[in-house]
N, C-alpha and C. Protein backbone atom coordinates (compact mmCIF):
# COMPACT_ATOMS: atom_id res chain seq x y z
N UNK A 1 164.91 -24.93 143.66
CA UNK A 1 165.62 -25.71 142.66
C UNK A 1 165.97 -27.12 143.12
N UNK A 2 165.28 -27.64 144.04
CA UNK A 2 165.66 -28.91 144.59
C UNK A 2 165.37 -30.09 143.71
N UNK A 3 164.49 -29.95 142.75
CA UNK A 3 164.13 -31.12 141.89
C UNK A 3 164.83 -31.13 140.57
N UNK A 4 165.71 -30.18 140.30
CA UNK A 4 166.44 -30.15 139.07
C UNK A 4 167.59 -31.18 139.12
N UNK A 5 167.68 -32.03 138.15
CA UNK A 5 168.73 -33.09 138.14
C UNK A 5 169.70 -32.74 136.96
N UNK A 6 170.95 -33.12 137.11
CA UNK A 6 171.90 -32.92 136.05
C UNK A 6 171.57 -33.85 134.87
N UNK A 7 171.96 -33.36 133.67
CA UNK A 7 171.76 -34.18 132.48
C UNK A 7 172.49 -35.51 132.61
N UNK A 8 173.65 -35.48 133.21
CA UNK A 8 174.43 -36.70 133.42
C UNK A 8 173.66 -37.71 134.23
N UNK A 9 172.96 -37.30 135.29
CA UNK A 9 172.21 -38.19 136.12
C UNK A 9 171.01 -38.79 135.36
N UNK A 10 170.29 -37.93 134.65
CA UNK A 10 169.09 -38.39 133.90
C UNK A 10 169.58 -39.36 132.74
N UNK A 11 170.64 -39.04 132.07
CA UNK A 11 171.14 -39.87 130.94
C UNK A 11 171.62 -41.20 131.46
N UNK A 12 172.30 -41.22 132.57
CA UNK A 12 172.83 -42.45 133.13
C UNK A 12 171.66 -43.34 133.63
N UNK A 13 170.66 -42.76 134.30
CA UNK A 13 169.50 -43.49 134.77
C UNK A 13 168.72 -44.11 133.61
N UNK A 14 168.55 -43.35 132.53
CA UNK A 14 167.90 -43.93 131.33
C UNK A 14 168.65 -45.08 130.74
N UNK A 15 169.99 -45.00 130.67
CA UNK A 15 170.84 -46.01 130.12
C UNK A 15 170.76 -47.28 130.97
N UNK A 16 170.76 -47.08 132.29
CA UNK A 16 170.78 -48.23 133.20
C UNK A 16 169.34 -48.92 133.12
N UNK A 17 168.27 -48.17 132.96
CA UNK A 17 167.00 -48.78 132.83
C UNK A 17 166.84 -49.57 131.52
N UNK A 18 167.46 -49.07 130.47
CA UNK A 18 167.37 -49.76 129.16
C UNK A 18 168.18 -51.04 129.21
N UNK A 19 169.17 -51.12 130.06
CA UNK A 19 169.96 -52.40 130.20
C UNK A 19 169.16 -53.48 130.84
N UNK A 20 168.07 -53.18 131.52
CA UNK A 20 167.25 -54.20 132.10
C UNK A 20 167.66 -54.65 133.49
N UNK A 21 168.48 -53.80 134.20
CA UNK A 21 168.85 -54.10 135.57
C UNK A 21 167.61 -54.00 136.43
N UNK A 22 167.49 -54.90 137.39
CA UNK A 22 166.28 -54.97 138.23
C UNK A 22 166.24 -53.95 139.34
N UNK A 23 166.03 -52.69 139.00
CA UNK A 23 165.89 -51.61 139.99
C UNK A 23 164.46 -51.67 140.61
N UNK A 24 164.35 -51.16 141.82
CA UNK A 24 163.02 -51.13 142.50
C UNK A 24 162.67 -49.73 142.87
N UNK A 25 161.57 -49.58 143.57
CA UNK A 25 161.13 -48.23 143.99
C UNK A 25 161.75 -47.90 145.39
N UNK A 26 162.71 -48.70 145.88
CA UNK A 26 163.37 -48.44 147.15
C UNK A 26 164.77 -47.87 146.90
N UNK A 27 164.97 -46.67 147.48
CA UNK A 27 166.24 -45.97 147.26
C UNK A 27 167.43 -46.81 147.76
N UNK A 28 167.34 -47.38 148.97
CA UNK A 28 168.44 -48.13 149.55
C UNK A 28 168.81 -49.33 148.69
N UNK A 29 167.79 -50.04 148.15
CA UNK A 29 168.07 -51.20 147.28
C UNK A 29 168.79 -50.74 145.97
N UNK A 30 168.34 -49.65 145.40
CA UNK A 30 168.95 -49.15 144.19
C UNK A 30 170.41 -48.79 144.44
N UNK A 31 170.63 -48.16 145.63
CA UNK A 31 171.98 -47.74 146.02
C UNK A 31 172.88 -49.01 146.15
N UNK A 32 172.37 -50.03 146.71
CA UNK A 32 173.18 -51.27 146.78
C UNK A 32 173.46 -51.90 145.43
N UNK A 33 172.48 -51.83 144.54
CA UNK A 33 172.68 -52.40 143.15
C UNK A 33 173.78 -51.61 142.44
N UNK A 34 173.79 -50.27 142.58
CA UNK A 34 174.77 -49.45 141.92
C UNK A 34 176.20 -49.67 142.56
N UNK A 35 176.22 -49.90 143.86
CA UNK A 35 177.44 -50.20 144.54
C UNK A 35 178.53 -49.15 144.36
N UNK A 36 179.69 -49.65 144.08
CA UNK A 36 180.85 -48.70 143.92
C UNK A 36 181.16 -48.42 142.46
N UNK A 37 180.23 -48.64 141.56
CA UNK A 37 180.52 -48.45 140.15
C UNK A 37 180.44 -47.02 139.74
N UNK A 38 179.87 -46.15 140.60
CA UNK A 38 179.69 -44.73 140.26
C UNK A 38 180.96 -43.92 140.69
N UNK A 39 181.18 -42.80 140.02
CA UNK A 39 182.39 -42.01 140.28
C UNK A 39 182.42 -41.38 141.67
N UNK A 40 181.25 -41.11 142.25
CA UNK A 40 181.19 -40.55 143.61
C UNK A 40 179.94 -40.99 144.30
N UNK A 41 179.88 -40.79 145.64
CA UNK A 41 178.71 -41.17 146.40
C UNK A 41 177.56 -40.27 146.02
N UNK A 42 177.84 -38.99 145.79
CA UNK A 42 176.77 -38.02 145.49
C UNK A 42 176.05 -38.43 144.21
N UNK A 43 176.80 -38.69 143.19
CA UNK A 43 176.24 -39.08 141.90
C UNK A 43 175.42 -40.39 142.02
N UNK A 44 176.04 -41.35 142.75
CA UNK A 44 175.33 -42.61 142.99
C UNK A 44 174.00 -42.44 143.64
N UNK A 45 173.98 -41.58 144.69
CA UNK A 45 172.74 -41.37 145.46
C UNK A 45 171.75 -40.63 144.57
N UNK A 46 172.18 -39.69 143.75
CA UNK A 46 171.24 -39.01 142.86
C UNK A 46 170.64 -39.95 141.87
N UNK A 47 171.44 -40.80 141.29
CA UNK A 47 170.92 -41.76 140.29
C UNK A 47 170.01 -42.77 140.96
N UNK A 48 170.37 -43.27 142.12
CA UNK A 48 169.50 -44.19 142.88
C UNK A 48 168.12 -43.57 143.24
N UNK A 49 168.16 -42.33 143.62
CA UNK A 49 166.94 -41.60 143.95
C UNK A 49 166.04 -41.40 142.75
N UNK A 50 166.67 -41.04 141.58
CA UNK A 50 165.95 -40.80 140.38
C UNK A 50 165.33 -42.11 139.93
N UNK A 51 166.10 -43.19 139.97
CA UNK A 51 165.56 -44.49 139.59
C UNK A 51 164.36 -44.92 140.48
N UNK A 52 164.44 -44.66 141.72
CA UNK A 52 163.32 -44.99 142.63
C UNK A 52 162.13 -44.13 142.27
N UNK A 53 162.32 -42.90 141.96
CA UNK A 53 161.20 -42.00 141.54
C UNK A 53 160.54 -42.46 140.27
N UNK A 54 161.35 -42.89 139.30
CA UNK A 54 160.85 -43.40 137.98
C UNK A 54 160.09 -44.66 138.22
N UNK A 55 160.63 -45.61 139.02
CA UNK A 55 159.88 -46.85 139.31
C UNK A 55 158.61 -46.64 140.02
N UNK A 56 158.52 -45.70 140.97
CA UNK A 56 157.31 -45.40 141.70
C UNK A 56 156.27 -44.88 140.70
N UNK A 57 156.69 -44.02 139.78
CA UNK A 57 155.84 -43.46 138.77
C UNK A 57 155.28 -44.57 137.88
N UNK A 58 156.10 -45.49 137.47
CA UNK A 58 155.66 -46.62 136.61
C UNK A 58 154.69 -47.46 137.37
N UNK A 59 154.91 -47.73 138.63
CA UNK A 59 153.97 -48.55 139.42
C UNK A 59 152.61 -47.84 139.57
N UNK A 60 152.62 -46.54 139.80
CA UNK A 60 151.41 -45.77 139.89
C UNK A 60 150.64 -45.81 138.61
N UNK A 61 151.33 -45.69 137.48
CA UNK A 61 150.67 -45.75 136.16
C UNK A 61 150.04 -47.12 135.93
N UNK A 62 150.70 -48.17 136.36
CA UNK A 62 150.10 -49.49 136.18
C UNK A 62 148.90 -49.73 137.02
N UNK A 63 148.93 -49.14 138.27
CA UNK A 63 147.78 -49.28 139.15
C UNK A 63 146.59 -48.50 138.68
N UNK A 64 146.83 -47.40 137.93
CA UNK A 64 145.63 -46.64 137.42
C UNK A 64 144.92 -47.37 136.30
N UNK A 65 145.62 -48.30 135.64
CA UNK A 65 144.96 -49.02 134.52
C UNK A 65 144.15 -50.09 135.02
């Protein structure tokens, strides 16, 4: 069950992506962008990781075209 994410994490990540914030495929950079705005470190890290995964997927899709 390691890849299951909470709905809160997925919903928040989608909202942040729609806002147009410049997230990258690097977890550490995303973590810095989120900063102390998240309610806890665990949630911040989960969101940063999911955003990195989404960005990597987008980059791979663009490379295939």
